[in-house]
Amino acid sequence: MKKRLALALSGLLLVAACATPAERAERRGAAQLNTQLGVNYARQGQYDLALEKLLKAADQDSEYAPAHSALAVIYQTRGDREAAEREFRKALALDGSDPTVKNNFGVFLCERGKPDEARRYFMDVAKDPRFAAPEQAWTNAGICIKKTDPEQAERDFREALRLKPDDRDALAQMAILSFARQDFLRTRAFLQRYDLKSRATPELLSIAARTEMALGDRDAARDYARRIVQEFPESKEAATFADWQP
């Protein structure tokens, strides 16, 4: 049985090695089509169909890096970390120049508790002129290390804001850092720039309420507390602020 299996695999490899340029081009085209279909399904939240198409694409052309990078994201979304890391590394081995894949892999590594390796990828991305949003890479780098090195994290967030002064992710992170240091005036300033009226989260509204309380504006504190309860009734912050009386 083992000999038959080995012979069968050898035969498959021989066929692959002897493929003509036209056949390889046909496989690449099919892989590209199925990768795009898989990505489209993923965007619609249809992850089973996305996985099916992406696995087919990788089977059609195992050296098509975008199929592997898309597979990595799907596996990451489904919580299969080992498979995700395998596919990320496969994609980068095939095409180590794609800044989007590097950024996504950096996020993955950060979530897995590997901040040093993640930061190396983020710094590569931040310096790559092909990456349209370098401020995102700087913000990701700061988020990854803010618990262990808040000073460096602040420098990263400030670099993101230098590149894009209204970047909300970096503004939110600076507000969180300032609040942790009890620098309430800076916290208020960053939250004002973030603009909580048009986009808010329970965490930031909670920080805003406590900041205004610390600065003596009880009316503003109550308004933020009320918004938490009304806009995010299922959040843990809503339970905290339900009966809050500043």
C-alpha atoms as a PDB file:
ATOM      1  CA  MET A   1       0.000   0.000   0.000  1.00  0.00           C
ATOM      2  CA  LYS A   2       2.787   2.407   0.896  1.00  0.00           C
ATOM      3  CA  LYS A   3       4.619   1.681  -2.366  1.00  0.00           C
ATOM      4  CA  ARG A   4       1.470   2.368  -4.396  1.00  0.00           C
ATOM      5  CA  LEU A   5       0.964   5.662  -2.591  1.00  0.00           C
ATOM      6  CA  ALA A   6       4.552   6.716  -3.195  1.00  0.00           C
ATOM      7  CA  LEU A   7       4.261   5.828  -6.868  1.00  0.00           C
ATOM      8  CA  ALA A   8       1.023   7.770  -7.179  1.00  0.00           C
ATOM      9  CA  LEU A   9       2.583  10.852  -5.624  1.00  0.00           C
ATOM     10  CA  SER A  10       5.622  10.512  -7.837  1.00  0.00           C
ATOM     11  CA  GLY A  11       3.368  10.373 -10.835  1.00  0.00           C
ATOM     12  CA  LEU A  12       1.598  13.558  -9.773  1.00  0.00           C
ATOM     13  CA  LEU A  13       4.884  15.352  -9.314  1.00  0.00           C
ATOM     14  CA  LEU A  14       6.050  14.195 -12.720  1.00  0.00           C
ATOM     15  CA  VAL A  15       2.902  15.519 -14.352  1.00  0.00           C
ATOM     16  CA  ALA A  16       3.305  18.853 -12.560  1.00  0.00           C
ATOM     17  CA  ALA A  17       6.955  19.136 -13.552  1.00  0.00           C
ATOM     18  CA  CYS A  18       6.138  18.452 -17.191  1.00  0.00           C
ATOM     19  CA  ALA A  19       3.313  20.990 -17.427  1.00  0.00           C
ATOM     20  CA  THR A  20       3.619  23.272 -20.416  1.00  0.00           C
ATOM     21  CA  PRO A  21       3.674  27.075 -20.053  1.00  0.00           C
ATOM     22  CA  ALA A  22       0.116  27.159 -21.393  1.00  0.00           C
ATOM     23  CA  GLU A  23      -1.025  24.637 -18.787  1.00  0.00           C
ATOM     24  CA  ARG A  24       0.670  26.565 -15.996  1.00  0.00           C
ATOM     25  CA  ALA A  25      -0.968  29.771 -17.194  1.00  0.00           C
ATOM     26  CA  GLU A  26      -4.344  28.054 -17.260  1.00  0.00           C
ATOM     27  CA  ARG A  27      -3.891  26.820 -13.686  1.00  0.00           C
ATOM     28  CA  ARG A  28      -2.802  30.263 -12.547  1.00  0.00           C
ATOM     29  CA  GLY A  29      -5.872  31.820 -14.140  1.00  0.00           C
ATOM     30  CA  ALA A  30      -8.153  29.291 -12.452  1.00  0.00           C
ATOM     31  CA  ALA A  31      -6.432  29.908  -9.110  1.00  0.00           C
ATOM     32  CA  GLN A  32      -6.845  33.649  -9.495  1.00  0.00           C
ATOM     33  CA  LEU A  33     -10.550  33.256 -10.251  1.00  0.00           C
ATOM     34  CA  ASN A  34     -11.204  30.982  -7.275  1.00  0.00           C
ATOM     35  CA  THR A  35      -9.166  33.226  -4.984  1.00  0.00           C
ATOM     36  CA  GLN A  36     -11.282  36.208  -5.959  1.00  0.00           C
ATOM     37  CA  LEU A  37     -14.456  34.181  -5.445  1.00  0.00           C
ATOM     38  CA  GLY A  38     -13.180  33.100  -2.037  1.00  0.00           C
ATOM     39  CA  VAL A  39     -12.383  36.664  -1.021  1.00  0.00           C
ATOM     40  CA  ASN A  40     -15.825  37.805  -2.160  1.00  0.00           C
ATOM     41  CA  TYR A  41     -17.506  35.071  -0.118  1.00  0.00           C
ATOM     42  CA  ALA A  42     -15.420  36.014   2.899  1.00  0.00           C
ATOM     43  CA  ARG A  43     -16.485  39.649   2.603  1.00  0.00           C
ATOM     44  CA  GLN A  44     -20.089  38.437   2.749  1.00  0.00           C
ATOM     45  CA  GLY A  45     -19.360  36.376   5.855  1.00  0.00           C
ATOM     46  CA  GLN A  46     -19.765  33.069   4.003  1.00  0.00           C
ATOM     47  CA  TYR A  47     -16.579  31.536   5.357  1.00  0.00           C
ATOM     48  CA  ASP A  48     -17.298  27.902   4.488  1.00  0.00           C
ATOM     49  CA  LEU A  49     -17.749  28.775   0.831  1.00  0.00           C
ATOM     50  CA  ALA A  50     -14.721  31.052   0.991  1.00  0.00           C
ATOM     51  CA  LEU A  51     -12.583  28.260   2.396  1.00  0.00           C
ATOM     52  CA  GLU A  52     -13.794  25.847  -0.276  1.00  0.00           C
ATOM     53  CA  LYS A  53     -12.850  28.223  -3.104  1.00  0.00           C
ATOM     54  CA  LEU A  54      -9.500  29.155  -1.593  1.00  0.00           C
ATOM     55  CA  LEU A  55      -8.481  25.556  -0.992  1.00  0.00           C
ATOM     56  CA  LYS A  56      -9.379  24.835  -4.602  1.00  0.00           C
ATOM     57  CA  ALA A  57      -7.258  27.777  -5.726  1.00  0.00           C
ATOM     58  CA  ALA A  58      -4.272  26.554  -3.719  1.00  0.00           C
ATOM     59  CA  ASP A  59      -4.722  23.107  -5.197  1.00  0.00           C
ATOM     60  CA  GLN A  60      -4.873  24.500  -8.718  1.00  0.00           C
ATOM     61  CA  ASP A  61      -1.684  26.523  -8.251  1.00  0.00           C
ATOM     62  CA  SER A  62       0.221  25.877  -5.025  1.00  0.00           C
ATOM     63  CA  GLU A  63       2.611  28.754  -5.801  1.00  0.00           C
ATOM     64  CA  TYR A  64      -0.076  31.433  -6.054  1.00  0.00           C
ATOM     65  CA  ALA A  65       0.705  33.529  -2.975  1.00  0.00           C
ATOM     66  CA  PRO A  66      -2.634  35.443  -2.754  1.00  0.00           C
ATOM     67  CA  ALA A  67      -4.520  32.158  -2.311  1.00  0.00           C
ATOM     68  CA  HIS A  68      -2.366  31.286   0.698  1.00  0.00           C
ATOM     69  CA  SER A  69      -2.584  34.755   2.232  1.00  0.00           C
ATOM     70  CA  ALA A  70      -6.374  34.728   1.893  1.00  0.00           C
ATOM     71  CA  LEU A  71      -6.488  31.244   3.404  1.00  0.00           C
ATOM     72  CA  ALA A  72      -4.450  32.543   6.321  1.00  0.00           C
ATOM     73  CA  VAL A  73      -7.020  35.242   7.056  1.00  0.00           C
ATOM     74  CA  ILE A  74      -9.881  32.742   6.859  1.00  0.00           C
ATOM     75  CA  TYR A  75      -8.150  30.335   9.223  1.00  0.00           C
ATOM     76  CA  GLN A  76      -7.369  33.212  11.578  1.00  0.00           C
ATOM     77  CA  THR A  77     -11.028  34.256  11.539  1.00  0.00           C
ATOM     78  CA  ARG A  78     -12.082  30.684  12.321  1.00  0.00           C
ATOM     79  CA  GLY A  79      -9.593  30.427  15.200  1.00  0.00           C
ATOM     80  CA  ASP A  80      -7.297  27.845  13.580  1.00  0.00           C
ATOM     81  CA  ARG A  81      -4.040  29.527  14.520  1.00  0.00           C
ATOM     82  CA  GLU A  82      -1.682  26.781  13.407  1.00  0.00           C
ATOM     83  CA  ALA A  83      -3.187  26.648   9.925  1.00  0.00           C
ATOM     84  CA  ALA A  84      -3.236  30.442   9.727  1.00  0.00           C
ATOM     85  CA  GLU A  85       0.435  30.749  10.591  1.00  0.00           C
ATOM     86  CA  ARG A  86       1.341  28.016   8.108  1.00  0.00           C
ATOM     87  CA  GLU A  87      -0.505  29.803   5.309  1.00  0.00           C
ATOM     88  CA  PHE A  88       0.906  33.221   6.202  1.00  0.00           C
ATOM     89  CA  ARG A  89       4.447  31.863   6.115  1.00  0.00           C
ATOM     90  CA  LYS A  90       3.744  30.027   2.851  1.00  0.00           C
ATOM     91  CA  ALA A  91       2.425  33.225   1.257  1.00  0.00           C
ATOM     92  CA  LEU A  92       5.458  35.219   2.389  1.00  0.00           C
ATOM     93  CA  ALA A  93       7.848  32.489   1.223  1.00  0.00           C
ATOM     94  CA  LEU A  94       6.278  32.752  -2.227  1.00  0.00           C
ATOM     95  CA  ASP A  95       6.102  36.555  -2.248  1.00  0.00           C
ATOM     96  CA  GLY A  96       7.854  38.276   0.627  1.00  0.00           C
ATOM     97  CA  SER A  97       7.298  41.740  -0.818  1.00  0.00           C
ATOM     98  CA  ASP A  98       3.524  42.106  -0.301  1.00  0.00           C
ATOM     99  CA  PRO A  99       3.061  44.776   2.416  1.00  0.00           C
ATOM    100  CA  THR A 100      -0.587  43.887   3.036  1.00  0.00           C
ATOM    101  CA  VAL A 101       0.310  40.288   3.851  1.00  0.00           C
ATOM    102  CA  LYS A 102       3.112  41.508   6.119  1.00  0.00           C
ATOM    103  CA  ASN A 103       0.729  43.814   7.959  1.00  0.00           C
ATOM    104  CA  ASN A 104      -1.864  41.060   8.393  1.00  0.00           C
ATOM    105  CA  PHE A 105       0.796  38.637   9.600  1.00  0.00           C
ATOM    106  CA  GLY A 106       2.066  41.257  12.038  1.00  0.00           C
ATOM    107  CA  VAL A 107      -1.427  41.546  13.522  1.00  0.00           C
ATOM    108  CA  PHE A 108      -1.583  37.758  13.761  1.00  0.00           C
ATOM    109  CA  LEU A 109       1.800  37.525  15.491  1.00  0.00           C
ATOM    110  CA  CYS A 110       0.833  40.280  17.913  1.00  0.00           C
ATOM    111  CA  GLU A 111      -2.322  38.389  18.857  1.00  0.00           C
ATOM    112  CA  ARG A 112      -0.183  35.284  19.432  1.00  0.00           C
ATOM    113  CA  GLY A 113       2.076  37.116  21.868  1.00  0.00           C
ATOM    114  CA  LYS A 114       5.060  37.613  19.545  1.00  0.00           C
ATOM    115  CA  PRO A 115       5.460  41.418  19.629  1.00  0.00           C
ATOM    116  CA  ASP A 116       9.112  41.570  18.550  1.00  0.00           C
ATOM    117  CA  GLU A 117       8.561  39.577  15.364  1.00  0.00           C
ATOM    118  CA  ALA A 118       5.307  41.434  14.723  1.00  0.00           C
ATOM    119  CA  ARG A 119       7.016  44.798  15.054  1.00  0.00           C
ATOM    120  CA  ARG A 120       9.628  43.862  12.464  1.00  0.00           C
ATOM    121  CA  TYR A 121       6.869  43.240   9.959  1.00  0.00           C
ATOM    122  CA  PHE A 122       5.052  46.461  10.867  1.00  0.00           C
ATOM    123  CA  MET A 123       8.246  48.489  10.394  1.00  0.00           C
ATOM    124  CA  ASP A 124       8.817  46.917   6.979  1.00  0.00           C
ATOM    125  CA  VAL A 125       5.259  47.839   6.020  1.00  0.00           C
ATOM    126  CA  ALA A 126       5.533  51.396   7.354  1.00  0.00           C
ATOM    127  CA  LYS A 127       8.535  52.042   5.112  1.00  0.00           C
ATOM    128  CA  ASP A 128       7.027  50.443   2.014  1.00  0.00           C
ATOM    129  CA  PRO A 129       5.776  53.123  -0.422  1.00  0.00           C
ATOM    130  CA  ARG A 130       3.319  50.642  -1.913  1.00  0.00           C
ATOM    131  CA  PHE A 131       1.338  50.441   1.351  1.00  0.00           C
ATOM    132  CA  ALA A 132      -1.358  53.081   1.112  1.00  0.00           C
ATOM    133  CA  ALA A 133      -1.827  53.580   4.872  1.00  0.00           C
ATOM    134  CA  PRO A 134       1.550  53.635   6.678  1.00  0.00           C
ATOM    135  CA  GLU A 135      -0.138  55.225   9.688  1.00  0.00           C
ATOM    136  CA  GLN A 136      -1.982  51.939  10.139  1.00  0.00           C
ATOM    137  CA  ALA A 137       1.307  50.050  10.435  1.00  0.00           C
ATOM    138  CA  TRP A 138       2.622  52.525  13.018  1.00  0.00           C
ATOM    139  CA  THR A 139      -0.601  52.279  15.034  1.00  0.00           C
ATOM    140  CA  ASN A 140      -0.523  48.483  14.887  1.00  0.00           C
ATOM    141  CA  ALA A 141       3.085  48.528  16.081  1.00  0.00           C
ATOM    142  CA  GLY A 142       2.161  50.725  19.034  1.00  0.00           C
ATOM    143  CA  ILE A 143      -0.849  48.621  20.014  1.00  0.00           C
ATOM    144  CA  CYS A 144       1.327  45.527  20.003  1.00  0.00           C
ATOM    145  CA  ILE A 145       3.777  46.891  22.575  1.00  0.00           C
ATOM    146  CA  LYS A 146       1.728  49.394  24.581  1.00  0.00           C
ATOM    147  CA  LYS A 147       1.525  47.129  27.647  1.00  0.00           C
ATOM    148  CA  THR A 148       5.235  46.364  27.747  1.00  0.00           C
ATOM    149  CA  ASP A 149       6.703  49.613  26.382  1.00  0.00           C
ATOM    150  CA  PRO A 150       4.167  52.454  26.583  1.00  0.00           C
ATOM    151  CA  GLU A 151       6.792  55.102  25.809  1.00  0.00           C
ATOM    152  CA  GLN A 152       7.701  53.500  22.491  1.00  0.00           C
ATOM    153  CA  ALA A 153       4.024  52.882  21.815  1.00  0.00           C
ATOM    154  CA  GLU A 154       3.369  56.602  22.250  1.00  0.00           C
ATOM    155  CA  ARG A 155       6.133  57.399  19.768  1.00  0.00           C
ATOM    156  CA  ASP A 156       4.531  55.001  17.303  1.00  0.00           C
ATOM    157  CA  PHE A 157       1.091  56.584  17.730  1.00  0.00           C
ATOM    158  CA  ARG A 158       2.537  60.067  17.329  1.00  0.00           C
ATOM    159  CA  GLU A 159       4.271  59.011  14.131  1.00  0.00           C
ATOM    160  CA  ALA A 160       0.929  57.723  12.866  1.00  0.00           C
ATOM    161  CA  LEU A 161      -0.637  61.088  13.695  1.00  0.00           C
ATOM    162  CA  ARG A 162       2.212  62.938  12.008  1.00  0.00           C
ATOM    163  CA  LEU A 163       1.399  61.041   8.836  1.00  0.00           C
ATOM    164  CA  LYS A 164      -2.359  61.415   9.263  1.00  0.00           C
ATOM    165  CA  PRO A 165      -3.398  63.916  11.963  1.00  0.00           C
ATOM    166  CA  ASP A 166      -7.043  62.789  11.986  1.00  0.00           C
ATOM    167  CA  ASP A 167      -6.357  59.049  12.154  1.00  0.00           C
ATOM    168  CA  ARG A 168      -8.965  57.852  14.611  1.00  0.00           C
ATOM    169  CA  ASP A 169      -7.251  54.631  15.621  1.00  0.00           C
ATOM    170  CA  ALA A 170      -4.113  56.499  16.683  1.00  0.00           C
ATOM    171  CA  LEU A 171      -6.173  59.224  18.403  1.00  0.00           C
ATOM    172  CA  ALA A 172      -8.083  56.578  20.354  1.00  0.00           C
ATOM    173  CA  GLN A 173      -4.871  54.908  21.448  1.00  0.00           C
ATOM    174  CA  MET A 174      -3.378  58.225  22.571  1.00  0.00           C
ATOM    175  CA  ALA A 175      -6.527  58.950  24.577  1.00  0.00           C
ATOM    176  CA  ILE A 176      -6.267  55.542  26.260  1.00  0.00           C
ATOM    177  CA  LEU A 177      -2.586  56.083  27.086  1.00  0.00           C
ATOM    178  CA  SER A 178      -3.212  59.583  28.435  1.00  0.00           C
ATOM    179  CA  PHE A 179      -6.096  58.376  30.593  1.00  0.00           C
ATOM    180  CA  ALA A 180      -3.937  55.578  32.046  1.00  0.00           C
ATOM    181  CA  ARG A 181      -1.431  58.261  33.075  1.00  0.00           C
ATOM    182  CA  GLN A 182      -4.251  60.365  34.564  1.00  0.00           C
ATOM    183  CA  ASP A 183      -3.389  63.151  32.167  1.00  0.00           C
ATOM    184  CA  PHE A 184      -7.018  64.151  31.817  1.00  0.00           C
ATOM    185  CA  LEU A 185      -6.561  67.342  29.835  1.00  0.00           C
ATOM    186  CA  ARG A 186      -4.653  65.451  27.137  1.00  0.00           C
ATOM    187  CA  THR A 187      -7.252  62.705  27.242  1.00  0.00           C
ATOM    188  CA  ARG A 188     -10.023  65.222  26.628  1.00  0.00           C
ATOM    189  CA  ALA A 189      -8.054  66.823  23.785  1.00  0.00           C
ATOM    190  CA  PHE A 190      -7.468  63.521  22.011  1.00  0.00           C
ATOM    191  CA  LEU A 191     -11.121  62.513  22.426  1.00  0.00           C
ATOM    192  CA  GLN A 192     -12.250  65.840  20.989  1.00  0.00           C
ATOM    193  CA  ARG A 193     -10.067  65.263  17.953  1.00  0.00           C
ATOM    194  CA  TYR A 194     -11.402  61.714  17.689  1.00  0.00           C
ATOM    195  CA  ASP A 195     -14.957  63.158  17.638  1.00  0.00           C
ATOM    196  CA  LEU A 196     -17.106  60.936  19.836  1.00  0.00           C
ATOM    197  CA  LYS A 197     -20.264  62.467  18.363  1.00  0.00           C
ATOM    198  CA  SER A 198     -19.856  60.700  15.047  1.00  0.00           C
ATOM    199  CA  ARG A 199     -18.131  57.503  16.120  1.00  0.00           C
ATOM    200  CA  ALA A 200     -17.912  56.088  19.597  1.00  0.00           C
ATOM    201  CA  THR A 201     -17.119  52.871  21.430  1.00  0.00           C
ATOM    202  CA  PRO A 202     -18.161  51.851  24.944  1.00  0.00           C
ATOM    203  CA  GLU A 203     -14.530  51.996  26.087  1.00  0.00           C
ATOM    204  CA  LEU A 204     -13.938  55.507  24.809  1.00  0.00           C
ATOM    205  CA  LEU A 205     -17.254  56.800  26.150  1.00  0.00           C
ATOM    206  CA  SER A 206     -16.340  55.328  29.529  1.00  0.00           C
ATOM    207  CA  ILE A 207     -12.979  57.072  29.414  1.00  0.00           C
ATOM    208  CA  ALA A 208     -14.707  60.304  28.396  1.00  0.00           C
ATOM    209  CA  ALA A 209     -17.184  60.081  31.299  1.00  0.00           C
ATOM    210  CA  ARG A 210     -14.444  59.456  33.858  1.00  0.00           C
ATOM    211  CA  THR A 211     -12.245  62.138  32.346  1.00  0.00           C
ATOM    212  CA  GLU A 212     -14.972  64.773  32.576  1.00  0.00           C
ATOM    213  CA  MET A 213     -15.699  63.695  36.138  1.00  0.00           C
ATOM    214  CA  ALA A 214     -12.035  64.111  37.018  1.00  0.00           C
ATOM    215  CA  LEU A 215     -12.003  67.549  35.385  1.00  0.00           C
ATOM    216  CA  GLY A 216     -15.129  68.632  37.279  1.00  0.00           C
ATOM    217  CA  ASP A 217     -17.663  68.704  34.429  1.00  0.00           C
ATOM    218  CA  ARG A 218     -20.420  66.557  35.919  1.00  0.00           C
ATOM    219  CA  ASP A 219     -22.952  67.374  33.216  1.00  0.00           C
ATOM    220  CA  ALA A 220     -20.625  66.176  30.475  1.00  0.00           C
ATOM    221  CA  ALA A 221     -19.825  63.071  32.514  1.00  0.00           C
ATOM    222  CA  ARG A 222     -23.535  62.267  32.863  1.00  0.00           C
ATOM    223  CA  ASP A 223     -24.083  62.784  29.124  1.00  0.00           C
ATOM    224  CA  TYR A 224     -21.352  60.287  28.257  1.00  0.00           C
ATOM    225  CA  ALA A 225     -22.679  57.803  30.810  1.00  0.00           C
ATOM    226  CA  ARG A 226     -26.178  58.131  29.345  1.00  0.00           C
ATOM    227  CA  ARG A 227     -24.846  57.507  25.849  1.00  0.00           C
ATOM    228  CA  ILE A 228     -23.158  54.289  26.957  1.00  0.00           C
ATOM    229  CA  VAL A 229     -26.404  52.920  28.348  1.00  0.00           C
ATOM    230  CA  GLN A 230     -28.509  54.033  25.374  1.00  0.00           C
ATOM    231  CA  GLU A 231     -26.125  53.221  22.513  1.00  0.00           C
ATOM    232  CA  PHE A 232     -24.395  50.118  23.900  1.00  0.00           C
ATOM    233  CA  PRO A 233     -26.907  48.528  26.292  1.00  0.00           C
ATOM    234  CA  GLU A 234     -25.304  45.061  26.069  1.00  0.00           C
ATOM    235  CA  SER A 235     -21.774  46.233  26.865  1.00  0.00           C
ATOM    236  CA  LYS A 236     -20.056  45.676  30.184  1.00  0.00           C
ATOM    237  CA  GLU A 237     -19.630  49.445  30.406  1.00  0.00           C
ATOM    238  CA  ALA A 238     -23.411  49.879  30.287  1.00  0.00           C
ATOM    239  CA  ALA A 239     -23.795  47.679  33.351  1.00  0.00           C
ATOM    240  CA  THR A 240     -21.212  49.794  35.162  1.00  0.00           C
ATOM    241  CA  PHE A 241     -22.818  53.107  34.271  1.00  0.00           C
ATOM    242  CA  ALA A 242     -26.496  52.154  34.532  1.00  0.00           C
ATOM    243  CA  ASP A 243     -26.899  53.694  37.982  1.00  0.00           C
ATOM    244  CA  TRP A 244     -23.832  55.925  37.943  1.00  0.00           C
ATOM    245  CA  GLN A 245     -24.271  59.233  39.674  1.00  0.00           C
ATOM    246  CA  PRO A 246     -21.264  61.537  39.190  1.00  0.00           C
END
